[in-house]
């Protein structure tokens, strides 16, 4: 599933939201220097924000299609799974992973992060939580219950996705070991208005899109989700949260 996002990198780059300015500022402020490693950089959304904030970013990305698109936007990328990536002795002031650390083996990933971060370097992984208004979230959950009756977790996540991301934070914290200290879990509020088509585009870029398509159910989810947004007025505002885990390399 981690390698399914590159089927349409242009759509991914257009549909996925950027990260809150306050989150970018926090990463830059914590890092002892400008050299940043972006794990699972995708099409370069996060890397471009960090570059604009004065960082020198190298991306590592498992999917050549995503990496190729990132390069067209000026991001330097090396293609590899992070766990097996060869840093060739290079070290960094910060390691970031936006919406990707759950694809990394937590133990191997923590060990690799400890290897490539300089003493005092910042480990920063984070996810943005797409939290629709409660009544619309319930409508999305109803779509998932009807179309995906064998996957109750999908309907729970559609209604209130924060729990899934808190699980990622817990698992990451438990895996860091003694190479890291000063673990923090800050949150960053963010808001964005989505039209019907914009929301459906981001659904097409989600991790579940390919399995749903393979099962012949993606079109039904998109159609019924679109109908729910139409009934809501054709657009809605997410008042959401980005959740993060920061730690310092000892």
C-alpha atoms as a PDB file:
ATOM      1  CA  UNK A   1       0.000   0.000   0.000  1.00  0.00           C
ATOM      2  CA  UNK A   2       2.887   2.367   0.746  1.00  0.00           C
ATOM      3  CA  UNK A   3       3.914   2.191  -2.898  1.00  0.00           C
ATOM      4  CA  UNK A   4       0.418   2.780  -4.301  1.00  0.00           C
ATOM      5  CA  UNK A   5       0.406   6.571  -4.086  1.00  0.00           C
ATOM      6  CA  UNK A   6       2.508   7.149  -7.202  1.00  0.00           C
ATOM      7  CA  UNK A   7      -0.172   6.074  -9.677  1.00  0.00           C
ATOM      8  CA  UNK A   8      -1.086   9.753 -10.150  1.00  0.00           C
ATOM      9  CA  UNK A   9       1.560  11.967  -8.530  1.00  0.00           C
ATOM     10  CA  UNK A  10       0.140  15.151 -10.053  1.00  0.00           C
ATOM     11  CA  UNK A  11      -3.224  14.487  -8.393  1.00  0.00           C
ATOM     12  CA  UNK A  12      -1.494  13.665  -5.116  1.00  0.00           C
ATOM     13  CA  UNK A  13       0.515  16.883  -5.177  1.00  0.00           C
ATOM     14  CA  UNK A  14      -2.573  18.950  -5.959  1.00  0.00           C
ATOM     15  CA  UNK A  15      -5.011  17.266  -3.572  1.00  0.00           C
ATOM     16  CA  UNK A  16      -2.963  16.750  -0.417  1.00  0.00           C
ATOM     17  CA  UNK A  17      -2.949  19.691   2.023  1.00  0.00           C
ATOM     18  CA  UNK A  18       0.170  21.507   3.102  1.00  0.00           C
ATOM     19  CA  UNK A  19       1.299  21.516   6.725  1.00  0.00           C
ATOM     20  CA  UNK A  20       0.420  24.274   9.228  1.00  0.00           C
ATOM     21  CA  UNK A  21       2.864  27.174   9.263  1.00  0.00           C
ATOM     22  CA  UNK A  22       3.260  26.810  13.031  1.00  0.00           C
ATOM     23  CA  UNK A  23       4.378  23.198  12.588  1.00  0.00           C
ATOM     24  CA  UNK A  24       6.990  24.164  10.007  1.00  0.00           C
ATOM     25  CA  UNK A  25       8.216  26.960  12.288  1.00  0.00           C
ATOM     26  CA  UNK A  26       8.507  24.542  15.207  1.00  0.00           C
ATOM     27  CA  UNK A  27      10.583  22.071  13.185  1.00  0.00           C
ATOM     28  CA  UNK A  28      12.914  24.823  11.998  1.00  0.00           C
ATOM     29  CA  UNK A  29      13.270  26.290  15.502  1.00  0.00           C
ATOM     30  CA  UNK A  30      14.112  22.931  17.086  1.00  0.00           C
ATOM     31  CA  UNK A  31      16.705  21.816  14.557  1.00  0.00           C
ATOM     32  CA  UNK A  32      20.293  22.816  15.409  1.00  0.00           C
ATOM     33  CA  UNK A  33      21.000  23.551  11.750  1.00  0.00           C
ATOM     34  CA  UNK A  34      19.449  23.691   8.273  1.00  0.00           C
ATOM     35  CA  UNK A  35      20.193  20.154   6.989  1.00  0.00           C
ATOM     36  CA  UNK A  36      16.936  18.155   6.924  1.00  0.00           C
ATOM     37  CA  UNK A  37      16.186  14.613   5.817  1.00  0.00           C
ATOM     38  CA  UNK A  38      12.578  14.152   4.650  1.00  0.00           C
ATOM     39  CA  UNK A  39      11.566  10.489   4.984  1.00  0.00           C
ATOM     40  CA  UNK A  40       8.899   9.442   2.509  1.00  0.00           C
ATOM     41  CA  UNK A  41       8.974  12.841   0.842  1.00  0.00           C
ATOM     42  CA  UNK A  42       6.396  11.889  -1.790  1.00  0.00           C
ATOM     43  CA  UNK A  43       5.925  14.663  -4.316  1.00  0.00           C
ATOM     44  CA  UNK A  44       7.812  17.142  -2.132  1.00  0.00           C
ATOM     45  CA  UNK A  45       4.961  18.997  -0.425  1.00  0.00           C
ATOM     46  CA  UNK A  46       6.680  19.157   2.971  1.00  0.00           C
ATOM     47  CA  UNK A  47      10.162  19.537   1.475  1.00  0.00           C
ATOM     48  CA  UNK A  48       9.113  22.643  -0.435  1.00  0.00           C
ATOM     49  CA  UNK A  49       7.670  24.213   2.705  1.00  0.00           C
ATOM     50  CA  UNK A  50      10.884  23.523   4.604  1.00  0.00           C
ATOM     51  CA  UNK A  51      12.988  24.823   1.729  1.00  0.00           C
ATOM     52  CA  UNK A  52      10.984  28.062   1.732  1.00  0.00           C
ATOM     53  CA  UNK A  53      11.705  28.313   5.483  1.00  0.00           C
ATOM     54  CA  UNK A  54      15.462  28.203   4.837  1.00  0.00           C
ATOM     55  CA  UNK A  55      16.238  24.497   5.187  1.00  0.00           C
ATOM     56  CA  UNK A  56      18.423  22.345   2.941  1.00  0.00           C
ATOM     57  CA  UNK A  57      16.296  19.259   2.312  1.00  0.00           C
ATOM     58  CA  UNK A  58      17.099  15.813   0.977  1.00  0.00           C
ATOM     59  CA  UNK A  59      14.161  13.514   0.381  1.00  0.00           C
ATOM     60  CA  UNK A  60      14.122   9.727   0.601  1.00  0.00           C
ATOM     61  CA  UNK A  61      11.194   8.166  -1.241  1.00  0.00           C
ATOM     62  CA  UNK A  62      10.382   4.533  -2.005  1.00  0.00           C
ATOM     63  CA  UNK A  63       8.334   5.278  -5.152  1.00  0.00           C
ATOM     64  CA  UNK A  64      10.255   6.455  -8.210  1.00  0.00           C
ATOM     65  CA  UNK A  65       7.104   8.017  -9.696  1.00  0.00           C
ATOM     66  CA  UNK A  66       6.618  10.239  -6.683  1.00  0.00           C
ATOM     67  CA  UNK A  67      10.319  11.057  -6.563  1.00  0.00           C
ATOM     68  CA  UNK A  68      10.319  12.014 -10.232  1.00  0.00           C
ATOM     69  CA  UNK A  69       7.524  14.503  -9.650  1.00  0.00           C
ATOM     70  CA  UNK A  70       9.281  15.940  -6.602  1.00  0.00           C
ATOM     71  CA  UNK A  71      12.406  16.510  -8.666  1.00  0.00           C
ATOM     72  CA  UNK A  72      10.396  18.569 -11.191  1.00  0.00           C
ATOM     73  CA  UNK A  73       9.566  20.944  -8.329  1.00  0.00           C
ATOM     74  CA  UNK A  74      13.220  21.351  -7.322  1.00  0.00           C
ATOM     75  CA  UNK A  75      13.409  18.779  -4.516  1.00  0.00           C
ATOM     76  CA  UNK A  76      16.501  16.548  -4.325  1.00  0.00           C
ATOM     77  CA  UNK A  77      15.386  12.946  -3.836  1.00  0.00           C
ATOM     78  CA  UNK A  78      17.030   9.548  -3.487  1.00  0.00           C
ATOM     79  CA  UNK A  79      14.863   6.491  -4.179  1.00  0.00           C
ATOM     80  CA  UNK A  80      14.926   3.839  -1.466  1.00  0.00           C
ATOM     81  CA  UNK A  81      12.988   2.374   1.399  1.00  0.00           C
ATOM     82  CA  UNK A  82      14.216   4.328   4.419  1.00  0.00           C
ATOM     83  CA  UNK A  83      15.106   1.220   6.408  1.00  0.00           C
ATOM     84  CA  UNK A  84      17.575   0.112   3.694  1.00  0.00           C
ATOM     85  CA  UNK A  85      18.682   3.570   2.514  1.00  0.00           C
ATOM     86  CA  UNK A  86      22.448   4.120   2.502  1.00  0.00           C
ATOM     87  CA  UNK A  87      23.275   7.527   4.013  1.00  0.00           C
ATOM     88  CA  UNK A  88      26.927   7.121   2.965  1.00  0.00           C
ATOM     89  CA  UNK A  89      28.122   8.723   6.184  1.00  0.00           C
ATOM     90  CA  UNK A  90      25.938  11.800   5.856  1.00  0.00           C
ATOM     91  CA  UNK A  91      24.245  13.200   8.950  1.00  0.00           C
ATOM     92  CA  UNK A  92      21.469  15.734   9.434  1.00  0.00           C
ATOM     93  CA  UNK A  93      20.216  18.342  11.866  1.00  0.00           C
ATOM     94  CA  UNK A  94      16.632  17.145  11.601  1.00  0.00           C
ATOM     95  CA  UNK A  95      14.705  14.172  10.321  1.00  0.00           C
ATOM     96  CA  UNK A  96      11.083  14.742   9.375  1.00  0.00           C
ATOM     97  CA  UNK A  97       8.290  12.496   8.161  1.00  0.00           C
ATOM     98  CA  UNK A  98       4.939  13.981   7.221  1.00  0.00           C
ATOM     99  CA  UNK A  99       2.106  11.439   6.908  1.00  0.00           C
ATOM    100  CA  UNK A 100       4.612   8.641   6.285  1.00  0.00           C
ATOM    101  CA  UNK A 101       6.157   7.244   9.468  1.00  0.00           C
ATOM    102  CA  UNK A 102       3.378   4.639   9.825  1.00  0.00           C
ATOM    103  CA  UNK A 103       4.767   3.028   6.655  1.00  0.00           C
ATOM    104  CA  UNK A 104       8.190   2.641   8.298  1.00  0.00           C
ATOM    105  CA  UNK A 105       9.125  -0.328  10.474  1.00  0.00           C
ATOM    106  CA  UNK A 106       9.143   1.412  13.866  1.00  0.00           C
ATOM    107  CA  UNK A 107      12.187  -0.328  15.333  1.00  0.00           C
ATOM    108  CA  UNK A 108      14.335  -0.283  12.185  1.00  0.00           C
ATOM    109  CA  UNK A 109      13.216   3.264  11.452  1.00  0.00           C
ATOM    110  CA  UNK A 110      14.206   4.507  14.898  1.00  0.00           C
ATOM    111  CA  UNK A 111      17.615   2.868  14.572  1.00  0.00           C
ATOM    112  CA  UNK A 112      18.186   4.453  11.173  1.00  0.00           C
ATOM    113  CA  UNK A 113      17.051   7.840  12.486  1.00  0.00           C
ATOM    114  CA  UNK A 114      19.561   7.581  15.329  1.00  0.00           C
ATOM    115  CA  UNK A 115      22.262   6.754  12.786  1.00  0.00           C
ATOM    116  CA  UNK A 116      21.664   9.763  10.531  1.00  0.00           C
ATOM    117  CA  UNK A 117      20.906  12.450  13.114  1.00  0.00           C
ATOM    118  CA  UNK A 118      23.705  14.488  14.652  1.00  0.00           C
ATOM    119  CA  UNK A 119      23.847  14.758  18.464  1.00  0.00           C
ATOM    120  CA  UNK A 120      21.193  17.282  19.416  1.00  0.00           C
ATOM    121  CA  UNK A 121      19.382  16.693  16.129  1.00  0.00           C
ATOM    122  CA  UNK A 122      15.600  16.755  15.937  1.00  0.00           C
ATOM    123  CA  UNK A 123      13.371  13.791  15.160  1.00  0.00           C
ATOM    124  CA  UNK A 124       9.977  15.126  14.030  1.00  0.00           C
ATOM    125  CA  UNK A 125       7.179  12.960  12.675  1.00  0.00           C
ATOM    126  CA  UNK A 126       3.640  14.192  12.222  1.00  0.00           C
ATOM    127  CA  UNK A 127       0.264  13.612  10.685  1.00  0.00           C
ATOM    128  CA  UNK A 128      -2.557  15.974   9.772  1.00  0.00           C
ATOM    129  CA  UNK A 129      -5.964  14.792  10.940  1.00  0.00           C
ATOM    130  CA  UNK A 130      -8.734  15.409   8.420  1.00  0.00           C
ATOM    131  CA  UNK A 131     -11.609  15.947  10.848  1.00  0.00           C
ATOM    132  CA  UNK A 132     -14.874  16.935   9.131  1.00  0.00           C
ATOM    133  CA  UNK A 133     -17.734  18.552  11.049  1.00  0.00           C
ATOM    134  CA  UNK A 134     -19.366  15.972  13.301  1.00  0.00           C
ATOM    135  CA  UNK A 135     -22.614  15.589  11.369  1.00  0.00           C
ATOM    136  CA  UNK A 136     -20.801  15.274   8.062  1.00  0.00           C
ATOM    137  CA  UNK A 137     -18.330  12.871   9.638  1.00  0.00           C
ATOM    138  CA  UNK A 138     -21.259  10.689  10.661  1.00  0.00           C
ATOM    139  CA  UNK A 139     -22.530  10.793   7.081  1.00  0.00           C
ATOM    140  CA  UNK A 140     -19.096   9.687   5.841  1.00  0.00           C
ATOM    141  CA  UNK A 141     -19.111   6.896   8.419  1.00  0.00           C
ATOM    142  CA  UNK A 142     -22.517   5.759   7.175  1.00  0.00           C
ATOM    143  CA  UNK A 143     -21.125   5.517   3.645  1.00  0.00           C
ATOM    144  CA  UNK A 144     -18.315   3.307   4.883  1.00  0.00           C
ATOM    145  CA  UNK A 145     -20.668   1.123   6.939  1.00  0.00           C
ATOM    146  CA  UNK A 146     -22.880   0.539   3.898  1.00  0.00           C
ATOM    147  CA  UNK A 147     -20.158   0.039   1.291  1.00  0.00           C
ATOM    148  CA  UNK A 148     -17.595  -1.649   3.576  1.00  0.00           C
ATOM    149  CA  UNK A 149     -19.647  -3.661   6.088  1.00  0.00           C
ATOM    150  CA  UNK A 150     -16.736  -6.040   6.723  1.00  0.00           C
ATOM    151  CA  UNK A 151     -14.417  -3.198   7.798  1.00  0.00           C
ATOM    152  CA  UNK A 152     -15.937  -1.461  10.850  1.00  0.00           C
ATOM    153  CA  UNK A 153     -12.660   0.373  11.520  1.00  0.00           C
ATOM    154  CA  UNK A 154     -13.142   2.292   8.269  1.00  0.00           C
ATOM    155  CA  UNK A 155     -16.421   3.796   9.445  1.00  0.00           C
ATOM    156  CA  UNK A 156     -14.962   4.676  12.864  1.00  0.00           C
ATOM    157  CA  UNK A 157     -11.990   6.396  11.229  1.00  0.00           C
ATOM    158  CA  UNK A 158     -14.263   8.289   8.827  1.00  0.00           C
ATOM    159  CA  UNK A 159     -16.290   9.696  11.714  1.00  0.00           C
ATOM    160  CA  UNK A 160     -13.397  10.463  14.091  1.00  0.00           C
ATOM    161  CA  UNK A 161      -9.904   9.788  12.686  1.00  0.00           C
ATOM    162  CA  UNK A 162      -7.868  11.194  15.579  1.00  0.00           C
ATOM    163  CA  UNK A 163      -7.653   7.850  17.356  1.00  0.00           C
ATOM    164  CA  UNK A 164      -5.799   6.204  14.483  1.00  0.00           C
ATOM    165  CA  UNK A 165      -3.145   8.902  14.518  1.00  0.00           C
ATOM    166  CA  UNK A 166      -2.749   8.752  18.285  1.00  0.00           C
ATOM    167  CA  UNK A 167      -1.964   5.052  17.811  1.00  0.00           C
ATOM    168  CA  UNK A 168       0.845   5.994  15.408  1.00  0.00           C
ATOM    169  CA  UNK A 169       2.229   8.445  17.974  1.00  0.00           C
ATOM    170  CA  UNK A 170       2.118   5.845  20.744  1.00  0.00           C
ATOM    171  CA  UNK A 171       3.859   3.227  18.626  1.00  0.00           C
ATOM    172  CA  UNK A 172       6.548   5.676  17.530  1.00  0.00           C
ATOM    173  CA  UNK A 173       7.275   6.845  21.071  1.00  0.00           C
ATOM    174  CA  UNK A 174       7.553   3.270  22.305  1.00  0.00           C
ATOM    175  CA  UNK A 175      10.090   2.449  19.575  1.00  0.00           C
ATOM    176  CA  UNK A 176      12.554   5.315  20.016  1.00  0.00           C
ATOM    177  CA  UNK A 177      14.681   3.725  22.712  1.00  0.00           C
ATOM    178  CA  UNK A 178      17.573   5.326  24.558  1.00  0.00           C
ATOM    179  CA  UNK A 179      19.024   7.152  21.551  1.00  0.00           C
ATOM    180  CA  UNK A 180      16.427   9.898  21.964  1.00  0.00           C
ATOM    181  CA  UNK A 181      15.299  12.146  24.779  1.00  0.00           C
ATOM    182  CA  UNK A 182      12.986  15.126  25.374  1.00  0.00           C
ATOM    183  CA  UNK A 183      10.010  13.465  23.704  1.00  0.00           C
ATOM    184  CA  UNK A 184       7.124  15.865  23.085  1.00  0.00           C
ATOM    185  CA  UNK A 185       3.712  15.484  21.443  1.00  0.00           C
ATOM    186  CA  UNK A 186       2.629  18.971  20.370  1.00  0.00           C
ATOM    187  CA  UNK A 187      -0.498  19.649  18.337  1.00  0.00           C
ATOM    188  CA  UNK A 188      -1.083  22.319  15.722  1.00  0.00           C
ATOM    189  CA  UNK A 189      -4.575  23.480  14.745  1.00  0.00           C
ATOM    190  CA  UNK A 190      -5.322  24.118  11.112  1.00  0.00           C
ATOM    191  CA  UNK A 191      -8.367  24.874   9.016  1.00  0.00           C
ATOM    192  CA  UNK A 192      -9.299  24.542   5.369  1.00  0.00           C
ATOM    193  CA  UNK A 193     -12.478  24.724   3.322  1.00  0.00           C
ATOM    194  CA  UNK A 194     -13.072  21.864   0.898  1.00  0.00           C
ATOM    195  CA  UNK A 195     -15.400  21.755  -2.050  1.00  0.00           C
ATOM    196  CA  UNK A 196     -17.007  18.456  -2.979  1.00  0.00           C
ATOM    197  CA  UNK A 197     -14.514  17.809  -5.795  1.00  0.00           C
ATOM    198  CA  UNK A 198     -11.505  18.760  -3.688  1.00  0.00           C
ATOM    199  CA  UNK A 199     -12.508  16.313  -0.966  1.00  0.00           C
ATOM    200  CA  UNK A 200     -13.092  13.512  -3.459  1.00  0.00           C
ATOM    201  CA  UNK A 201      -9.693  14.201  -5.033  1.00  0.00           C
ATOM    202  CA  UNK A 202      -7.949  13.788  -1.674  1.00  0.00           C
ATOM    203  CA  UNK A 203      -9.895  10.569  -1.088  1.00  0.00           C
ATOM    204  CA  UNK A 204      -8.489   9.293  -4.378  1.00  0.00           C
ATOM    205  CA  UNK A 205      -4.987   9.826  -2.951  1.00  0.00           C
ATOM    206  CA  UNK A 206      -5.618   8.007   0.347  1.00  0.00           C
ATOM    207  CA  UNK A 207      -4.021   4.726   1.319  1.00  0.00           C
ATOM    208  CA  UNK A 208      -7.382   2.981   0.994  1.00  0.00           C
ATOM    209  CA  UNK A 209      -7.992   4.125  -2.587  1.00  0.00           C
ATOM    210  CA  UNK A 210      -6.144   1.291  -4.317  1.00  0.00           C
ATOM    211  CA  UNK A 211      -7.575  -1.526  -2.159  1.00  0.00           C
ATOM    212  CA  UNK A 212     -11.042  -0.068  -2.682  1.00  0.00           C
ATOM    213  CA  UNK A 213     -10.468   0.184  -6.417  1.00  0.00           C
ATOM    214  CA  UNK A 214      -9.153  -3.375  -6.547  1.00  0.00           C
ATOM    215  CA  UNK A 215     -12.302  -4.515  -4.718  1.00  0.00           C
ATOM    216  CA  UNK A 216     -14.518  -2.571  -7.117  1.00  0.00           C
ATOM    217  CA  UNK A 217     -15.821  -0.306  -4.346  1.00  0.00           C
ATOM    218  CA  UNK A 218     -13.984   2.994  -4.832  1.00  0.00           C
ATOM    219  CA  UNK A 219     -16.547   4.476  -7.214  1.00  0.00           C
ATOM    220  CA  UNK A 220     -19.369   3.708  -4.782  1.00  0.00           C
ATOM    221  CA  UNK A 221     -17.522   5.367  -1.896  1.00  0.00           C
ATOM    222  CA  UNK A 222     -16.765   8.442  -3.998  1.00  0.00           C
ATOM    223  CA  UNK A 223     -20.311   8.721  -5.349  1.00  0.00           C
ATOM    224  CA  UNK A 224     -21.987   8.427  -1.975  1.00  0.00           C
ATOM    225  CA  UNK A 225     -19.445  10.660  -0.217  1.00  0.00           C
ATOM    226  CA  UNK A 226     -20.015  13.277  -2.912  1.00  0.00           C
ATOM    227  CA  UNK A 227     -23.753  13.023  -2.395  1.00  0.00           C
ATOM    228  CA  UNK A 228     -23.287  13.570   1.347  1.00  0.00           C
ATOM    229  CA  UNK A 229     -21.274  16.740   0.682  1.00  0.00           C
ATOM    230  CA  UNK A 230     -23.879  17.946  -1.827  1.00  0.00           C
ATOM    231  CA  UNK A 231     -26.567  17.480   0.824  1.00  0.00           C
ATOM    232  CA  UNK A 232     -24.408  19.493   3.220  1.00  0.00           C
ATOM    233  CA  UNK A 233     -24.246  22.398   0.775  1.00  0.00           C
ATOM    234  CA  UNK A 234     -21.442  21.385  -1.592  1.00  0.00           C
ATOM    235  CA  UNK A 235     -18.531  22.463   0.613  1.00  0.00           C
ATOM    236  CA  UNK A 236     -17.421  22.346   4.234  1.00  0.00           C
ATOM    237  CA  UNK A 237     -14.698  23.590   6.552  1.00  0.00           C
ATOM    238  CA  UNK A 238     -12.358  21.310   8.453  1.00  0.00           C
ATOM    239  CA  UNK A 239     -11.204  22.672  11.778  1.00  0.00           C
ATOM    240  CA  UNK A 240      -8.535  20.064  12.238  1.00  0.00           C
ATOM    241  CA  UNK A 241      -5.333  19.249  14.078  1.00  0.00           C
ATOM    242  CA  UNK A 242      -1.851  18.202  13.084  1.00  0.00           C
ATOM    243  CA  UNK A 243      -0.395  15.830  15.675  1.00  0.00           C
ATOM    244  CA  UNK A 244       3.374  15.482  16.076  1.00  0.00           C
ATOM    245  CA  UNK A 245       6.053  13.641  17.972  1.00  0.00           C
ATOM    246  CA  UNK A 246       9.338  15.484  18.509  1.00  0.00           C
ATOM    247  CA  UNK A 247      12.440  14.033  20.137  1.00  0.00           C
ATOM    248  CA  UNK A 248      16.110  14.976  20.438  1.00  0.00           C
ATOM    249  CA  UNK A 249      19.038  12.753  19.475  1.00  0.00           C
ATOM    250  CA  UNK A 250      21.215  12.206  22.534  1.00  0.00           C
END
